[in-house]
Amino acid sequence: QVRLVESGGGLVQAGGSLRLSCAASGSIFSINEMHWYRQAPGQQRELVATITSGGTTNYADSVKGRFTISRDSAGTMYLQMNSLKLEDTALYFCHIENKWAQWWGRGTQVTVSS
């Protein structure tokens, strides 16, 4: 069974940067879209960024211009987060879907301090 594993989270000061990674333990074929979500305590999970099979990217308004989603040829997905703000503190999840199924990682914690 394929598992997604996120890494790269941590504690960073406001204005700093982090790079999250999402790797799959096996092959996922015919990927439609890959996403990063986040969930802060007491809040609903929100979509942060999307990258399609064709490479089109979309971002939540709150992160536009600061975050960049990408993937490499091995299928690992990344989220480069710059100019981090206190409100970016959350548990970040990766999500991958094809036409048959979807997969979630367990999340990596990002904490931004003042």
PDB file of N, CA and C in Angstrom:
ATOM      1  N   GLN A   1       0.845  -1.182   0.000  1.00  0.00           N
ATOM      2  CA  GLN A   1       0.000   0.000   0.000  1.00  0.00           C
ATOM      3  C   GLN A   1       0.890   1.244   0.000  1.00  0.00           C
ATOM      4  N   VAL A   2       0.535   2.193  -0.844  1.00  0.00           N
ATOM      5  CA  VAL A   2       1.344   3.404  -0.958  1.00  0.00           C
ATOM      6  C   VAL A   2       1.092   4.316   0.235  1.00  0.00           C
ATOM      7  N   ARG A   3       2.154   4.845   0.809  1.00  0.00           N
ATOM      8  CA  ARG A   3       2.066   5.827   1.879  1.00  0.00           C
ATOM      9  C   ARG A   3       2.765   7.106   1.441  1.00  0.00           C
ATOM     10  N   LEU A   4       2.224   8.228   1.908  1.00  0.00           N
ATOM     11  CA  LEU A   4       2.863   9.520   1.671  1.00  0.00           C
ATOM     12  C   LEU A   4       3.524   9.974   2.965  1.00  0.00           C
ATOM     13  N   VAL A   5       4.728  10.456   2.858  1.00  0.00           N
ATOM     14  CA  VAL A   5       5.463  10.905   4.033  1.00  0.00           C
ATOM     15  C   VAL A   5       5.941  12.332   3.804  1.00  0.00           C
ATOM     16  N   GLU A   6       5.491  13.238   4.673  1.00  0.00           N
ATOM     17  CA  GLU A   6       5.943  14.621   4.612  1.00  0.00           C
ATOM     18  C   GLU A   6       7.165  14.802   5.510  1.00  0.00           C
ATOM     19  N   SER A   7       7.995  15.765   5.143  1.00  0.00           N
ATOM     20  CA  SER A   7       9.137  16.128   5.968  1.00  0.00           C
ATOM     21  C   SER A   7       9.473  17.597   5.723  1.00  0.00           C
ATOM     22  N   GLY A   8      10.328  18.131   6.574  1.00  0.00           N
ATOM     23  CA  GLY A   8      10.792  19.495   6.386  1.00  0.00           C
ATOM     24  C   GLY A   8      10.168  20.533   7.287  1.00  0.00           C
ATOM     25  N   GLY A   9       9.175  20.131   8.074  1.00  0.00           N
ATOM     26  CA  GLY A   9       8.563  21.083   8.987  1.00  0.00           C
ATOM     27  C   GLY A   9       9.501  21.413  10.137  1.00  0.00           C
ATOM     28  N   GLY A  10       9.099  22.397  10.929  1.00  0.00           N
ATOM     29  CA  GLY A  10       9.917  22.775  12.067  1.00  0.00           C
ATOM     30  C   GLY A  10       9.508  24.118  12.620  1.00  0.00           C
ATOM     31  N   LEU A  11      10.370  24.643  13.476  1.00  0.00           N
ATOM     32  CA  LEU A  11      10.149  25.942  14.098  1.00  0.00           C
ATOM     33  C   LEU A  11      11.005  26.977  13.382  1.00  0.00           C
ATOM     34  N   VAL A  12      10.380  28.076  12.979  1.00  0.00           N
ATOM     35  CA  VAL A  12      11.094  29.114  12.246  1.00  0.00           C
ATOM     36  C   VAL A  12      10.573  30.471  12.690  1.00  0.00           C
ATOM     37  N   GLN A  13      11.427  31.459  12.655  1.00  0.00           N
ATOM     38  CA  GLN A  13      10.996  32.815  13.000  1.00  0.00           C
ATOM     39  C   GLN A  13      10.218  33.433  11.844  1.00  0.00           C
ATOM     40  N   ALA A  14       9.345  34.345  12.193  1.00  0.00           N
ATOM     41  CA  ALA A  14       8.600  35.065  11.168  1.00  0.00           C
ATOM     42  C   ALA A  14       9.569  35.711  10.187  1.00  0.00           C
ATOM     43  N   GLY A  15       9.235  35.589   8.907  1.00  0.00           N
ATOM     44  CA  GLY A  15      10.105  36.091   7.859  1.00  0.00           C
ATOM     45  C   GLY A  15      11.046  35.041   7.303  1.00  0.00           C
ATOM     46  N   GLY A  16      11.136  33.928   7.977  1.00  0.00           N
ATOM     47  CA  GLY A  16      12.030  32.863   7.551  1.00  0.00           C
ATOM     48  C   GLY A  16      11.422  31.975   6.486  1.00  0.00           C
ATOM     49  N   SER A  17      12.148  30.916   6.161  1.00  0.00           N
ATOM     50  CA  SER A  17      11.744  29.998   5.095  1.00  0.00           C
ATOM     51  C   SER A  17      11.849  28.552   5.548  1.00  0.00           C
ATOM     52  N   LEU A  18      11.017  27.729   4.955  1.00  0.00           N
ATOM     53  CA  LEU A  18      11.084  26.273   5.114  1.00  0.00           C
ATOM     54  C   LEU A  18      10.739  25.637   3.777  1.00  0.00           C
ATOM     55  N   ARG A  19      11.238  24.434   3.575  1.00  0.00           N
ATOM     56  CA  ARG A  19      10.889  23.672   2.384  1.00  0.00           C
ATOM     57  C   ARG A  19      10.342  22.321   2.810  1.00  0.00           C
ATOM     58  N   LEU A  20       9.090  22.086   2.499  1.00  0.00           N
ATOM     59  CA  LEU A  20       8.450  20.811   2.812  1.00  0.00           C
ATOM     60  C   LEU A  20       8.610  19.852   1.638  1.00  0.00           C
ATOM     61  N   SER A  21       8.703  18.575   1.962  1.00  0.00           N
ATOM     62  CA  SER A  21       8.780  17.536   0.945  1.00  0.00           C
ATOM     63  C   SER A  21       7.694  16.495   1.203  1.00  0.00           C
ATOM     64  N   CYS A  22       7.240  15.871   0.139  1.00  0.00           N
ATOM     65  CA  CYS A  22       6.261  14.792   0.232  1.00  0.00           C
ATOM     66  C   CYS A  22       6.703  13.677  -0.700  1.00  0.00           C
ATOM     67  N   ALA A  23       7.024  12.538  -0.121  1.00  0.00           N
ATOM     68  CA  ALA A  23       7.484  11.413  -0.912  1.00  0.00           C
ATOM     69  C   ALA A  23       6.533  10.240  -0.743  1.00  0.00           C
ATOM     70  N   ALA A  24       6.314   9.517  -1.833  1.00  0.00           N
ATOM     71  CA  ALA A  24       5.463   8.333  -1.797  1.00  0.00           C
ATOM     72  C   ALA A  24       6.323   7.092  -1.647  1.00  0.00           C
ATOM     73  N   SER A  25       5.805   6.117  -0.896  1.00  0.00           N
ATOM     74  CA  SER A  25       6.561   4.890  -0.651  1.00  0.00           C
ATOM     75  C   SER A  25       6.524   3.953  -1.840  1.00  0.00           C
ATOM     76  N   GLY A  26       5.629   4.225  -2.781  1.00  0.00           N
ATOM     77  CA  GLY A  26       5.527   3.410  -3.977  1.00  0.00           C
ATOM     78  C   GLY A  26       5.108   4.263  -5.155  1.00  0.00           C
ATOM     79  N   SER A  27       4.811   3.621  -6.241  1.00  0.00           N
ATOM     80  CA  SER A  27       4.431   4.359  -7.448  1.00  0.00           C
ATOM     81  C   SER A  27       2.931   4.631  -7.469  1.00  0.00           C
ATOM     82  N   ILE A  28       2.599   5.832  -7.862  1.00  0.00           N
ATOM     83  CA  ILE A  28       1.208   6.214  -8.083  1.00  0.00           C
ATOM     84  C   ILE A  28       1.083   6.605  -9.543  1.00  0.00           C
ATOM     85  N   PHE A  29       0.220   5.913 -10.256  1.00  0.00           N
ATOM     86  CA  PHE A  29       0.093   6.139 -11.692  1.00  0.00           C
ATOM     87  C   PHE A  29      -1.037   7.100 -12.016  1.00  0.00           C
ATOM     88  N   SER A  30      -0.882   7.757 -13.144  1.00  0.00           N
ATOM     89  CA  SER A  30      -1.931   8.625 -13.678  1.00  0.00           C
ATOM     90  C   SER A  30      -2.403   9.650 -12.662  1.00  0.00           C
ATOM     91  N   ILE A  31      -1.444  10.312 -12.050  1.00  0.00           N
ATOM     92  CA  ILE A  31      -1.791  11.344 -11.065  1.00  0.00           C
ATOM     93  C   ILE A  31      -2.521  12.493 -11.747  1.00  0.00           C
ATOM     94  N   ASN A  32      -3.630  12.887 -11.150  1.00  0.00           N
ATOM     95  CA  ASN A  32      -4.366  14.043 -11.657  1.00  0.00           C
ATOM     96  C   ASN A  32      -3.812  15.330 -11.053  1.00  0.00           C
ATOM     97  N   GLU A  33      -3.851  15.366  -9.734  1.00  0.00           N
ATOM     98  CA  GLU A  33      -3.396  16.565  -9.037  1.00  0.00           C
ATOM     99  C   GLU A  33      -2.676  16.173  -7.759  1.00  0.00           C
ATOM    100  N   MET A  34      -1.789  17.062  -7.338  1.00  0.00           N
ATOM    101  CA  MET A  34      -1.082  16.930  -6.073  1.00  0.00           C
ATOM    102  C   MET A  34      -1.326  18.230  -5.308  1.00  0.00           C
ATOM    103  N   HIS A  35      -1.567  18.096  -4.003  1.00  0.00           N
ATOM    104  CA  HIS A  35      -1.928  19.268  -3.215  1.00  0.00           C
ATOM    105  C   HIS A  35      -1.143  19.326  -1.912  1.00  0.00           C
ATOM    106  N   TRP A  36      -1.031  20.523  -1.394  1.00  0.00           N
ATOM    107  CA  TRP A  36      -0.656  20.751  -0.001  1.00  0.00           C
ATOM    108  C   TRP A  36      -1.850  21.387   0.710  1.00  0.00           C
ATOM    109  N   TYR A  37      -2.194  20.814   1.846  1.00  0.00           N
ATOM    110  CA  TYR A  37      -3.225  21.363   2.715  1.00  0.00           C
ATOM    111  C   TYR A  37      -2.573  21.725   4.044  1.00  0.00           C
ATOM    112  N   ARG A  38      -3.275  22.507   4.821  1.00  0.00           N
ATOM    113  CA  ARG A  38      -2.825  22.775   6.182  1.00  0.00           C
ATOM    114  C   ARG A  38      -4.021  22.898   7.110  1.00  0.00           C
ATOM    115  N   GLN A  39      -3.768  22.614   8.374  1.00  0.00           N
ATOM    116  CA  GLN A  39      -4.823  22.719   9.374  1.00  0.00           C
ATOM    117  C   GLN A  39      -4.231  23.283  10.657  1.00  0.00           C
ATOM    118  N   ALA A  40      -4.739  24.428  11.049  1.00  0.00           N
ATOM    119  CA  ALA A  40      -4.334  25.041  12.299  1.00  0.00           C
ATOM    120  C   ALA A  40      -5.271  24.568  13.407  1.00  0.00           C
ATOM    121  N   PRO A  41      -4.832  24.606  14.650  1.00  0.00           N
ATOM    122  CA  PRO A  41      -5.678  24.147  15.763  1.00  0.00           C
ATOM    123  C   PRO A  41      -7.023  24.868  15.783  1.00  0.00           C
ATOM    124  N   GLY A  42      -8.099  24.096  15.871  1.00  0.00           N
ATOM    125  CA  GLY A  42      -9.431  24.664  15.945  1.00  0.00           C
ATOM    126  C   GLY A  42      -9.980  25.160  14.626  1.00  0.00           C
ATOM    127  N   GLN A  43      -9.253  24.935  13.552  1.00  0.00           N
ATOM    128  CA  GLN A  43      -9.710  25.403  12.243  1.00  0.00           C
ATOM    129  C   GLN A  43      -9.866  24.242  11.282  1.00  0.00           C
ATOM    130  N   GLN A  44     -10.609  24.498  10.203  1.00  0.00           N
ATOM    131  CA  GLN A  44     -10.782  23.473   9.186  1.00  0.00           C
ATOM    132  C   GLN A  44      -9.526  23.355   8.332  1.00  0.00           C
ATOM    133  N   ARG A  45      -9.356  22.186   7.767  1.00  0.00           N
ATOM    134  CA  ARG A  45      -8.242  21.980   6.833  1.00  0.00           C
ATOM    135  C   ARG A  45      -8.478  22.832   5.597  1.00  0.00           C
ATOM    136  N   GLU A  46      -7.437  23.519   5.155  1.00  0.00           N
ATOM    137  CA  GLU A  46      -7.572  24.380   3.986  1.00  0.00           C
ATOM    138  C   GLU A  46      -6.554  24.015   2.919  1.00  0.00           C
ATOM    139  N   LEU A  47      -6.962  24.192   1.681  1.00  0.00           N
ATOM    140  CA  LEU A  47      -6.087  23.932   0.550  1.00  0.00           C
ATOM    141  C   LEU A  47      -5.118  25.095   0.398  1.00  0.00           C
ATOM    142  N   VAL A  48      -3.853  24.772   0.338  1.00  0.00           N
ATOM    143  CA  VAL A  48      -2.801  25.782   0.247  1.00  0.00           C
ATOM    144  C   VAL A  48      -2.299  25.936  -1.185  1.00  0.00           C
ATOM    145  N   ALA A  49      -2.016  24.794  -1.840  1.00  0.00           N
ATOM    146  CA  ALA A  49      -1.436  24.854  -3.176  1.00  0.00           C
ATOM    147  C   ALA A  49      -1.740  23.566  -3.923  1.00  0.00           C
ATOM    148  N   THR A  50      -1.832  23.693  -5.249  1.00  0.00           N
ATOM    149  CA  THR A  50      -2.121  22.572  -6.137  1.00  0.00           C
ATOM    150  C   THR A  50      -1.166  22.595  -7.313  1.00  0.00           C
ATOM    151  N   ILE A  51      -0.747  21.408  -7.738  1.00  0.00           N
ATOM    152  CA  ILE A  51      -0.025  21.280  -8.990  1.00  0.00           C
ATOM    153  C   ILE A  51      -0.666  20.134  -9.773  1.00  0.00           C
ATOM    154  N   THR A  52      -1.014  20.417 -11.028  1.00  0.00           N
ATOM    155  CA  THR A  52      -1.679  19.415 -11.848  1.00  0.00           C
ATOM    156  C   THR A  52      -0.657  18.560 -12.584  1.00  0.00           C
ATOM    157  N   SER A  53      -1.155  17.522 -13.250  1.00  0.00           N
ATOM    158  CA  SER A  53      -0.268  16.653 -14.013  1.00  0.00           C
ATOM    159  C   SER A  53       0.435  17.423 -15.124  1.00  0.00           C
ATOM    160  N   GLY A  54      -0.177  18.483 -15.584  1.00  0.00           N
ATOM    161  CA  GLY A  54       0.430  19.292 -16.626  1.00  0.00           C
ATOM    162  C   GLY A  54       1.348  20.375 -16.110  1.00  0.00           C
ATOM    163  N   GLY A  55       1.443  20.478 -14.792  1.00  0.00           N
ATOM    164  CA  GLY A  55       2.356  21.446 -14.195  1.00  0.00           C
ATOM    165  C   GLY A  55       1.720  22.773 -13.828  1.00  0.00           C
ATOM    166  N   THR A  56       0.417  22.902 -14.041  1.00  0.00           N
ATOM    167  CA  THR A  56      -0.269  24.137 -13.650  1.00  0.00           C
ATOM    168  C   THR A  56      -0.350  24.221 -12.135  1.00  0.00           C
ATOM    169  N   THR A  57      -0.097  25.390 -11.609  1.00  0.00           N
ATOM    170  CA  THR A  57      -0.116  25.580 -10.156  1.00  0.00           C
ATOM    171  C   THR A  57      -1.180  26.602  -9.766  1.00  0.00           C
ATOM    172  N   ASN A  58      -1.716  26.389  -8.584  1.00  0.00           N
ATOM    173  CA  ASN A  58      -2.678  27.325  -8.014  1.00  0.00           C
ATOM    174  C   ASN A  58      -2.401  27.458  -6.521  1.00  0.00           C
ATOM    175  N   TYR A  59      -2.712  28.647  -5.993  1.00  0.00           N
ATOM    176  CA  TYR A  59      -2.402  28.914  -4.584  1.00  0.00           C
ATOM    177  C   TYR A  59      -3.574  29.601  -3.892  1.00  0.00           C
ATOM    178  N   ALA A  60      -3.674  29.351  -2.604  1.00  0.00           N
ATOM    179  CA  ALA A  60      -4.602  30.130  -1.793  1.00  0.00           C
ATOM    180  C   ALA A  60      -4.127  31.579  -1.790  1.00  0.00           C
ATOM    181  N   ASP A  61      -5.068  32.496  -1.721  1.00  0.00           N
ATOM    182  CA  ASP A  61      -4.706  33.915  -1.737  1.00  0.00           C
ATOM    183  C   ASP A  61      -3.738  34.265  -0.608  1.00  0.00           C
ATOM    184  N   SER A  62      -3.892  33.596   0.512  1.00  0.00           N
ATOM    185  CA  SER A  62      -3.086  33.908   1.685  1.00  0.00           C
ATOM    186  C   SER A  62      -1.611  33.575   1.516  1.00  0.00           C
ATOM    187  N   VAL A  63      -1.269  32.743   0.517  1.00  0.00           N
ATOM    188  CA  VAL A  63       0.128  32.337   0.351  1.00  0.00           C
ATOM    189  C   VAL A  63       0.709  32.743  -0.997  1.00  0.00           C
ATOM    190  N   LYS A  64      -0.096  33.336  -1.861  1.00  0.00           N
ATOM    191  CA  LYS A  64       0.384  33.729  -3.178  1.00  0.00           C
ATOM    192  C   LYS A  64       1.576  34.673  -3.057  1.00  0.00           C
ATOM    193  N   GLY A  65       2.579  34.397  -3.864  1.00  0.00           N
ATOM    194  CA  GLY A  65       3.775  35.221  -3.850  1.00  0.00           C
ATOM    195  C   GLY A  65       4.788  34.833  -2.790  1.00  0.00           C
ATOM    196  N   ARG A  66       4.386  33.951  -1.868  1.00  0.00           N
ATOM    197  CA  ARG A  66       5.293  33.518  -0.806  1.00  0.00           C
ATOM    198  C   ARG A  66       5.614  32.034  -0.878  1.00  0.00           C
ATOM    199  N   PHE A  67       4.654  31.223  -1.314  1.00  0.00           N
ATOM    200  CA  PHE A  67       4.841  29.774  -1.382  1.00  0.00           C
ATOM    201  C   PHE A  67       4.946  29.337  -2.835  1.00  0.00           C
ATOM    202  N   THR A  68       5.722  28.274  -3.059  1.00  0.00           N
ATOM    203  CA  THR A  68       5.852  27.697  -4.390  1.00  0.00           C
ATOM    204  C   THR A  68       5.750  26.186  -4.296  1.00  0.00           C
ATOM    205  N   ILE A  69       4.824  25.621  -5.057  1.00  0.00           N
ATOM    206  CA  ILE A  69       4.674  24.165  -5.121  1.00  0.00           C
ATOM    207  C   ILE A  69       5.403  23.654  -6.351  1.00  0.00           C
ATOM    208  N   SER A  70       6.028  22.500  -6.215  1.00  0.00           N
ATOM    209  CA  SER A  70       6.742  21.921  -7.344  1.00  0.00           C
ATOM    210  C   SER A  70       6.849  20.418  -7.139  1.00  0.00           C
ATOM    211  N   ARG A  71       7.316  19.738  -8.149  1.00  0.00           N
ATOM    212  CA  ARG A  71       7.574  18.305  -8.046  1.00  0.00           C
ATOM    213  C   ARG A  71       8.772  17.985  -8.908  1.00  0.00           C
ATOM    214  N   ASP A  72       9.443  16.895  -8.585  1.00  0.00           N
ATOM    215  CA  ASP A  72      10.586  16.497  -9.391  1.00  0.00           C
ATOM    216  C   ASP A  72      10.255  15.272 -10.217  1.00  0.00           C
ATOM    217  N   SER A  73      11.197  14.825 -10.997  1.00  0.00           N
ATOM    218  CA  SER A  73      10.947  13.712 -11.914  1.00  0.00           C
ATOM    219  C   SER A  73      10.716  12.397 -11.186  1.00  0.00           C
ATOM    220  N   ALA A  74      11.120  12.321  -9.945  1.00  0.00           N
ATOM    221  CA  ALA A  74      10.901  11.102  -9.164  1.00  0.00           C
ATOM    222  C   ALA A  74       9.525  11.089  -8.507  1.00  0.00           C
ATOM    223  N   GLY A  75       8.802  12.185  -8.660  1.00  0.00           N
ATOM    224  CA  GLY A  75       7.453  12.249  -8.096  1.00  0.00           C
ATOM    225  C   GLY A  75       7.375  12.857  -6.720  1.00  0.00           C
ATOM    226  N   THR A  76       8.486  13.291  -6.163  1.00  0.00           N
ATOM    227  CA  THR A  76       8.459  13.974  -4.872  1.00  0.00           C
ATOM    228  C   THR A  76       7.924  15.383  -5.067  1.00  0.00           C
ATOM    229  N   MET A  77       7.035  15.762  -4.164  1.00  0.00           N
ATOM    230  CA  MET A  77       6.425  17.086  -4.230  1.00  0.00           C
ATOM    231  C   MET A  77       7.031  17.970  -3.151  1.00  0.00           C
ATOM    232  N   TYR A  78       7.132  19.254  -3.460  1.00  0.00           N
ATOM    233  CA  TYR A  78       7.740  20.199  -2.530  1.00  0.00           C
ATOM    234  C   TYR A  78       6.829  21.404  -2.315  1.00  0.00           C
ATOM    235  N   LEU A  79       7.037  22.049  -1.185  1.00  0.00           N
ATOM    236  CA  LEU A  79       6.405  23.342  -0.940  1.00  0.00           C
ATOM    237  C   LEU A  79       7.472  24.248  -0.351  1.00  0.00           C
ATOM    238  N   GLN A  80       7.932  25.188  -1.154  1.00  0.00           N
ATOM    239  CA  GLN A  80       8.889  26.184  -0.679  1.00  0.00           C
ATOM    240  C   GLN A  80       8.103  27.321  -0.057  1.00  0.00           C
ATOM    241  N   MET A  81       8.358  27.586   1.201  1.00  0.00           N
ATOM    242  CA  MET A  81       7.613  28.606   1.928  1.00  0.00           C
ATOM    243  C   MET A  81       8.573  29.702   2.357  1.00  0.00           C
ATOM    244  N   ASN A  82       8.366  30.888   1.837  1.00  0.00           N
ATOM    245  CA  ASN A  82       9.193  32.054   2.161  1.00  0.00           C
ATOM    246  C   ASN A  82       8.362  33.107   2.883  1.00  0.00           C
ATOM    247  N   SER A  83       9.048  34.029   3.506  1.00  0.00           N
ATOM    248  CA  SER A  83       8.376  35.133   4.212  1.00  0.00           C
ATOM    249  C   SER A  83       7.267  34.612   5.120  1.00  0.00           C
ATOM    250  N   LEU A  84       7.604  33.609   5.893  1.00  0.00           N
ATOM    251  CA  LEU A  84       6.594  32.966   6.736  1.00  0.00           C
ATOM    252  C   LEU A  84       6.034  33.926   7.773  1.00  0.00           C
ATOM    253  N   LYS A  85       4.735  33.771   8.025  1.00  0.00           N
ATOM    254  CA  LYS A  85       4.008  34.603   8.972  1.00  0.00           C
ATOM    255  C   LYS A  85       3.495  33.732  10.122  1.00  0.00           C
ATOM    256  N   LEU A  86       3.149  34.392  11.213  1.00  0.00           N
ATOM    257  CA  LEU A  86       2.622  33.660  12.364  1.00  0.00           C
ATOM    258  C   LEU A  86       1.407  32.819  11.966  1.00  0.00           C
ATOM    259  N   GLU A  87       0.592  33.359  11.078  1.00  0.00           N
ATOM    260  CA  GLU A  87      -0.635  32.676  10.684  1.00  0.00           C
ATOM    261  C   GLU A  87      -0.395  31.481   9.764  1.00  0.00           C
ATOM    262  N   ASP A  88       0.838  31.251   9.376  1.00  0.00           N
ATOM    263  CA  ASP A  88       1.165  30.054   8.601  1.00  0.00           C
ATOM    264  C   ASP A  88       1.377  28.842   9.507  1.00  0.00           C
ATOM    265  N   THR A  89       1.371  29.052  10.800  1.00  0.00           N
ATOM    266  CA  THR A  89       1.534  27.937  11.738  1.00  0.00           C
ATOM    267  C   THR A  89       0.388  26.947  11.579  1.00  0.00           C
ATOM    268  N   ALA A  90       0.733  25.698  11.307  1.00  0.00           N
ATOM    269  CA  ALA A  90      -0.278  24.658  11.067  1.00  0.00           C
ATOM    270  C   ALA A  90       0.412  23.324  10.849  1.00  0.00           C
ATOM    271  N   LEU A  91      -0.407  22.289  10.802  1.00  0.00           N
ATOM    272  CA  LEU A  91       0.035  20.962  10.379  1.00  0.00           C
ATOM    273  C   LEU A  91      -0.198  20.888   8.872  1.00  0.00           C
ATOM    274  N   TYR A  92       0.868  20.627   8.133  1.00  0.00           N
ATOM    275  CA  TYR A  92       0.794  20.621   6.673  1.00  0.00           C
ATOM    276  C   TYR A  92       0.740  19.184   6.161  1.00  0.00           C
ATOM    277  N   PHE A  93      -0.216  18.937   5.274  1.00  0.00           N
ATOM    278  CA  PHE A  93      -0.446  17.612   4.714  1.00  0.00           C
ATOM    279  C   PHE A  93      -0.257  17.622   3.204  1.00  0.00           C
ATOM    280  N   CYS A  94       0.265  16.541   2.666  1.00  0.00           N
ATOM    281  CA  CYS A  94       0.243  16.390   1.220  1.00  0.00           C
ATOM    282  C   CYS A  94      -0.873  15.429   0.849  1.00  0.00           C
ATOM    283  N   HIS A  95      -1.369  15.613  -0.340  1.00  0.00           N
ATOM    284  CA  HIS A  95      -2.521  14.855  -0.845  1.00  0.00           C
ATOM    285  C   HIS A  95      -2.311  14.626  -2.338  1.00  0.00           C
ATOM    286  N   ILE A  96      -2.503  13.391  -2.753  1.00  0.00           N
ATOM    287  CA  ILE A  96      -2.349  13.033  -4.162  1.00  0.00           C
ATOM    288  C   ILE A  96      -3.581  12.263  -4.599  1.00  0.00           C
ATOM    289  N   GLU A  97      -4.053  12.545  -5.797  1.00  0.00           N
ATOM    290  CA  GLU A  97      -5.217  11.829  -6.288  1.00  0.00           C
ATOM    291  C   GLU A  97      -5.037  11.440  -7.747  1.00  0.00           C
ATOM    292  N   ASN A  98      -5.575  10.290  -8.090  1.00  0.00           N
ATOM    293  CA  ASN A  98      -5.770   9.924  -9.480  1.00  0.00           C
ATOM    294  C   ASN A  98      -7.239   9.574  -9.648  1.00  0.00           C
ATOM    295  N   LYS A  99      -7.614   9.026 -10.767  1.00  0.00           N
ATOM    296  CA  LYS A  99      -9.045   8.816 -11.003  1.00  0.00           C
ATOM    297  C   LYS A  99      -9.596   7.637 -10.220  1.00  0.00           C
ATOM    298  N   TRP A 100      -8.722   6.878  -9.579  1.00  0.00           N
ATOM    299  CA  TRP A 100      -9.200   5.720  -8.826  1.00  0.00           C
ATOM    300  C   TRP A 100      -9.140   5.909  -7.311  1.00  0.00           C
ATOM    301  N   ALA A 101      -8.264   6.728  -6.824  1.00  0.00           N
ATOM    302  CA  ALA A 101      -8.053   6.806  -5.382  1.00  0.00           C
ATOM    303  C   ALA A 101      -7.386   8.112  -5.003  1.00  0.00           C
ATOM    304  N   GLN A 102      -7.241   8.317  -3.698  1.00  0.00           N
ATOM    305  CA  GLN A 102      -6.517   9.463  -3.182  1.00  0.00           C
ATOM    306  C   GLN A 102      -5.729   9.032  -1.949  1.00  0.00           C
ATOM    307  N   TRP A 103      -4.648   9.763  -1.697  1.00  0.00           N
ATOM    308  CA  TRP A 103      -3.757   9.436  -0.606  1.00  0.00           C
ATOM    309  C   TRP A 103      -3.447  10.690   0.201  1.00  0.00           C
ATOM    310  N   TRP A 104      -3.356  10.499   1.507  1.00  0.00           N
ATOM    311  CA  TRP A 104      -2.979  11.578   2.418  1.00  0.00           C
ATOM    312  C   TRP A 104      -1.753  11.188   3.217  1.00  0.00           C
ATOM    313  N   GLY A 105      -0.902  12.167   3.472  1.00  0.00           N
ATOM    314  CA  GLY A 105       0.165  11.961   4.423  1.00  0.00           C
ATOM    315  C   GLY A 105      -0.326  12.251   5.832  1.00  0.00           C
ATOM    316  N   ARG A 106       0.542  12.013   6.820  1.00  0.00           N
ATOM    317  CA  ARG A 106       0.157  12.245   8.209  1.00  0.00           C
ATOM    318  C   ARG A 106       0.450  13.669   8.669  1.00  0.00           C
ATOM    319  N   GLY A 107       1.177  14.395   7.876  1.00  0.00           N
ATOM    320  CA  GLY A 107       1.412  15.797   8.180  1.00  0.00           C
ATOM    321  C   GLY A 107       2.775  16.082   8.782  1.00  0.00           C
ATOM    322  N   THR A 108       3.209  17.312   8.589  1.00  0.00           N
ATOM    323  CA  THR A 108       4.432  17.811   9.209  1.00  0.00           C
ATOM    324  C   THR A 108       4.120  19.178   9.802  1.00  0.00           C
ATOM    325  N   GLN A 109       4.559  19.392  11.034  1.00  0.00           N
ATOM    326  CA  GLN A 109       4.200  20.609  11.757  1.00  0.00           C
ATOM    327  C   GLN A 109       5.108  21.762  11.363  1.00  0.00           C
ATOM    328  N   VAL A 110       4.484  22.882  11.063  1.00  0.00           N
ATOM    329  CA  VAL A 110       5.207  24.130  10.821  1.00  0.00           C
ATOM    330  C   VAL A 110       4.770  25.128  11.892  1.00  0.00           C
ATOM    331  N   THR A 111       5.730  25.631  12.635  1.00  0.00           N
ATOM    332  CA  THR A 111       5.444  26.617  13.677  1.00  0.00           C
ATOM    333  C   THR A 111       6.282  27.864  13.415  1.00  0.00           C
ATOM    334  N   VAL A 112       5.598  28.981  13.283  1.00  0.00           N
ATOM    335  CA  VAL A 112       6.265  30.249  13.029  1.00  0.00           C
ATOM    336  C   VAL A 112       6.190  31.086  14.298  1.00  0.00           C
ATOM    337  N   SER A 113       7.336  31.531  14.769  1.00  0.00           N
ATOM    338  CA  SER A 113       7.402  32.306  16.012  1.00  0.00           C
ATOM    339  C   SER A 113       7.736  33.775  15.719  1.00  0.00           C
ATOM    340  N   SER A 114       7.377  34.620  16.659  1.00  0.00           N
ATOM    341  CA  SER A 114       7.637  36.063  16.481  1.00  0.00           C
ATOM    342  C   SER A 114       9.011  36.429  16.983  1.00  0.00           C
TER     343      SER A 114
END
